[in-house]
Amino acid sequence: MEKVDKEKEERENKSLEEHARRSKLFKENRFMFEIERKKEIEALIKSAPPEYQKKLKETQAEWDNTMKGAGYKHNRLILAEHMLMDYFHGYFVPAVNNAAEKKAE
């Protein structure tokens, strides 16, 4: 069990270090931060199964377009929350309900 705990602690420390690096980059050089962010998103989308990639690209484009016009930090937070709730109620909940109905059959 100690090995699992040690690995978890190492992952957490690595994540905290990476967060600190990105936070610093965001504050000091937003252009480079944005380039790095876009590359990571593209890599993540490419790692998804091919049948999901088109939808993921569309979703990311929608997110980027919406956030582009947000302006202030508070507006960005409100928009992000709104998009998350739309997705949750429009896609996730119906998918879970559909799966539950199929399982009940």
C-alpha atoms as a PDB file:
ATOM      1  CA  MET A   1       0.000   0.000   0.000  1.00  0.00           C
ATOM      2  CA  GLU A   2       2.918   2.335   0.693  1.00  0.00           C
ATOM      3  CA  LYS A   3       3.991   2.110  -2.956  1.00  0.00           C
ATOM      4  CA  VAL A   4       0.555   3.269  -4.119  1.00  0.00           C
ATOM      5  CA  ASP A   5       0.579   6.157  -1.626  1.00  0.00           C
ATOM      6  CA  LYS A   6       4.078   7.179  -2.662  1.00  0.00           C
ATOM      7  CA  GLU A   7       3.123   7.102  -6.371  1.00  0.00           C
ATOM      8  CA  LYS A   8       0.007   9.166  -5.631  1.00  0.00           C
ATOM      9  CA  GLU A   9       2.063  11.702  -3.684  1.00  0.00           C
ATOM     10  CA  GLU A  10       4.585  11.929  -6.538  1.00  0.00           C
ATOM     11  CA  ARG A  11       1.776  12.524  -9.071  1.00  0.00           C
ATOM     12  CA  GLU A  12       0.253  15.190  -6.842  1.00  0.00           C
ATOM     13  CA  ASN A  13       3.614  16.947  -6.402  1.00  0.00           C
ATOM     14  CA  LYS A  14       4.235  16.813 -10.146  1.00  0.00           C
ATOM     15  CA  SER A  15       0.765  18.250 -10.788  1.00  0.00           C
ATOM     16  CA  LEU A  16       1.304  21.064  -8.296  1.00  0.00           C
ATOM     17  CA  GLU A  17       4.660  21.920  -9.873  1.00  0.00           C
ATOM     18  CA  GLU A  18       3.089  21.921 -13.342  1.00  0.00           C
ATOM     19  CA  HIS A  19       0.234  24.117 -12.133  1.00  0.00           C
ATOM     20  CA  ALA A  20       2.708  26.588 -10.631  1.00  0.00           C
ATOM     21  CA  ARG A  21       4.675  26.654 -13.904  1.00  0.00           C
ATOM     22  CA  ARG A  22       1.561  27.266 -15.985  1.00  0.00           C
ATOM     23  CA  SER A  23       0.249  29.885 -13.598  1.00  0.00           C
ATOM     24  CA  LYS A  24       3.547  31.742 -13.827  1.00  0.00           C
ATOM     25  CA  LEU A  25       3.556  31.438 -17.622  1.00  0.00           C
ATOM     26  CA  PHE A  26      -0.024  32.766 -17.766  1.00  0.00           C
ATOM     27  CA  LYS A  27       0.935  35.801 -15.684  1.00  0.00           C
ATOM     28  CA  GLU A  28       4.222  36.512 -17.465  1.00  0.00           C
ATOM     29  CA  ASN A  29       3.561  35.533 -21.076  1.00  0.00           C
ATOM     30  CA  ARG A  30      -0.048  34.896 -22.041  1.00  0.00           C
ATOM     31  CA  PHE A  31       0.834  34.411 -25.698  1.00  0.00           C
ATOM     32  CA  MET A  32       3.133  31.458 -24.921  1.00  0.00           C
ATOM     33  CA  PHE A  33       0.610  30.143 -22.409  1.00  0.00           C
ATOM     34  CA  GLU A  34      -2.074  30.157 -25.109  1.00  0.00           C
ATOM     35  CA  ILE A  35       0.185  28.373 -27.618  1.00  0.00           C
ATOM     36  CA  GLU A  36       0.978  25.673 -25.062  1.00  0.00           C
ATOM     37  CA  ARG A  37      -2.688  25.337 -24.078  1.00  0.00           C
ATOM     38  CA  LYS A  38      -3.783  24.889 -27.686  1.00  0.00           C
ATOM     39  CA  LYS A  39      -1.082  22.270 -28.373  1.00  0.00           C
ATOM     40  CA  GLU A  40      -2.126  20.264 -25.328  1.00  0.00           C
ATOM     41  CA  ILE A  41      -5.797  20.413 -26.289  1.00  0.00           C
ATOM     42  CA  GLU A  42      -4.968  19.237 -29.823  1.00  0.00           C
ATOM     43  CA  ALA A  43      -2.899  16.345 -28.439  1.00  0.00           C
ATOM     44  CA  LEU A  44      -5.728  15.354 -26.117  1.00  0.00           C
ATOM     45  CA  ILE A  45      -8.285  15.422 -28.940  1.00  0.00           C
ATOM     46  CA  LYS A  46      -5.980  13.356 -31.173  1.00  0.00           C
ATOM     47  CA  SER A  47      -5.658  10.782 -28.392  1.00  0.00           C
ATOM     48  CA  ALA A  48      -9.430  10.240 -28.350  1.00  0.00           C
ATOM     49  CA  PRO A  49     -11.033   7.546 -30.511  1.00  0.00           C
ATOM     50  CA  PRO A  50     -11.492   8.812 -34.101  1.00  0.00           C
ATOM     51  CA  GLU A  51     -15.286   8.766 -33.875  1.00  0.00           C
ATOM     52  CA  TYR A  52     -15.184  11.388 -31.080  1.00  0.00           C
ATOM     53  CA  GLN A  53     -12.567  13.727 -32.522  1.00  0.00           C
ATOM     54  CA  LYS A  54     -14.861  15.782 -34.762  1.00  0.00           C
ATOM     55  CA  LYS A  55     -17.300  16.507 -31.915  1.00  0.00           C
ATOM     56  CA  LEU A  56     -14.439  17.335 -29.544  1.00  0.00           C
ATOM     57  CA  LYS A  57     -12.990  19.802 -32.062  1.00  0.00           C
ATOM     58  CA  GLU A  58     -16.405  21.429 -32.508  1.00  0.00           C
ATOM     59  CA  THR A  59     -16.911  21.670 -28.759  1.00  0.00           C
ATOM     60  CA  GLN A  60     -13.461  23.210 -28.275  1.00  0.00           C
ATOM     61  CA  ALA A  61     -14.083  25.730 -31.079  1.00  0.00           C
ATOM     62  CA  GLU A  62     -17.397  26.701 -29.446  1.00  0.00           C
ATOM     63  CA  TRP A  63     -15.661  27.097 -26.090  1.00  0.00           C
ATOM     64  CA  ASP A  64     -12.860  29.235 -27.578  1.00  0.00           C
ATOM     65  CA  ASN A  65     -15.316  31.447 -29.475  1.00  0.00           C
ATOM     66  CA  THR A  66     -17.445  32.009 -26.412  1.00  0.00           C
ATOM     67  CA  MET A  67     -14.491  32.784 -24.173  1.00  0.00           C
ATOM     68  CA  LYS A  68     -12.954  35.135 -26.744  1.00  0.00           C
ATOM     69  CA  GLY A  69     -15.697  37.698 -26.161  1.00  0.00           C
ATOM     70  CA  ALA A  70     -15.972  37.250 -22.405  1.00  0.00           C
ATOM     71  CA  GLY A  71     -13.802  40.172 -21.367  1.00  0.00           C
ATOM     72  CA  TYR A  72     -13.500  40.176 -17.583  1.00  0.00           C
ATOM     73  CA  LYS A  73     -12.530  37.214 -15.371  1.00  0.00           C
ATOM     74  CA  HIS A  74     -15.965  37.196 -13.768  1.00  0.00           C
ATOM     75  CA  ASN A  75     -17.663  37.018 -17.170  1.00  0.00           C
ATOM     76  CA  ARG A  76     -15.421  34.104 -18.147  1.00  0.00           C
ATOM     77  CA  LEU A  77     -16.380  32.237 -14.984  1.00  0.00           C
ATOM     78  CA  ILE A  78     -20.097  32.838 -15.578  1.00  0.00           C
ATOM     79  CA  LEU A  79     -19.818  31.727 -19.220  1.00  0.00           C
ATOM     80  CA  ALA A  80     -17.828  28.613 -18.296  1.00  0.00           C
ATOM     81  CA  GLU A  81     -20.386  27.672 -15.666  1.00  0.00           C
ATOM     82  CA  HIS A  82     -23.241  28.248 -18.116  1.00  0.00           C
ATOM     83  CA  MET A  83     -21.626  26.101 -20.826  1.00  0.00           C
ATOM     84  CA  LEU A  84     -20.847  23.345 -18.323  1.00  0.00           C
ATOM     85  CA  MET A  85     -24.433  23.269 -17.055  1.00  0.00           C
ATOM     86  CA  ASP A  86     -25.794  23.303 -20.620  1.00  0.00           C
ATOM     87  CA  TYR A  87     -23.621  20.322 -21.459  1.00  0.00           C
ATOM     88  CA  PHE A  88     -24.521  18.539 -18.240  1.00  0.00           C
ATOM     89  CA  HIS A  89     -28.287  18.954 -18.697  1.00  0.00           C
ATOM     90  CA  GLY A  90     -28.313  18.709 -22.491  1.00  0.00           C
ATOM     91  CA  TYR A  91     -25.985  15.756 -23.055  1.00  0.00           C
ATOM     92  CA  PHE A  92     -24.820  14.026 -19.894  1.00  0.00           C
ATOM     93  CA  VAL A  93     -28.128  13.626 -18.036  1.00  0.00           C
ATOM     94  CA  PRO A  94     -30.004  12.383 -21.146  1.00  0.00           C
ATOM     95  CA  ALA A  95     -27.188   9.910 -21.894  1.00  0.00           C
ATOM     96  CA  VAL A  96     -27.276   8.551 -18.342  1.00  0.00           C
ATOM     97  CA  ASN A  97     -31.076   8.298 -18.437  1.00  0.00           C
ATOM     98  CA  ASN A  98     -30.923   6.552 -21.806  1.00  0.00           C
ATOM     99  CA  ALA A  99     -28.355   4.054 -20.502  1.00  0.00           C
ATOM    100  CA  ALA A 100     -30.487   3.408 -17.414  1.00  0.00           C
ATOM    101  CA  GLU A 101     -33.585   2.804 -19.541  1.00  0.00           C
ATOM    102  CA  LYS A 102     -31.701   0.346 -21.753  1.00  0.00           C
ATOM    103  CA  LYS A 103     -30.358  -1.501 -18.729  1.00  0.00           C
ATOM    104  CA  ALA A 104     -33.866  -1.740 -17.236  1.00  0.00           C
ATOM    105  CA  GLU A 105     -35.209  -3.393 -20.405  1.00  0.00           C
END
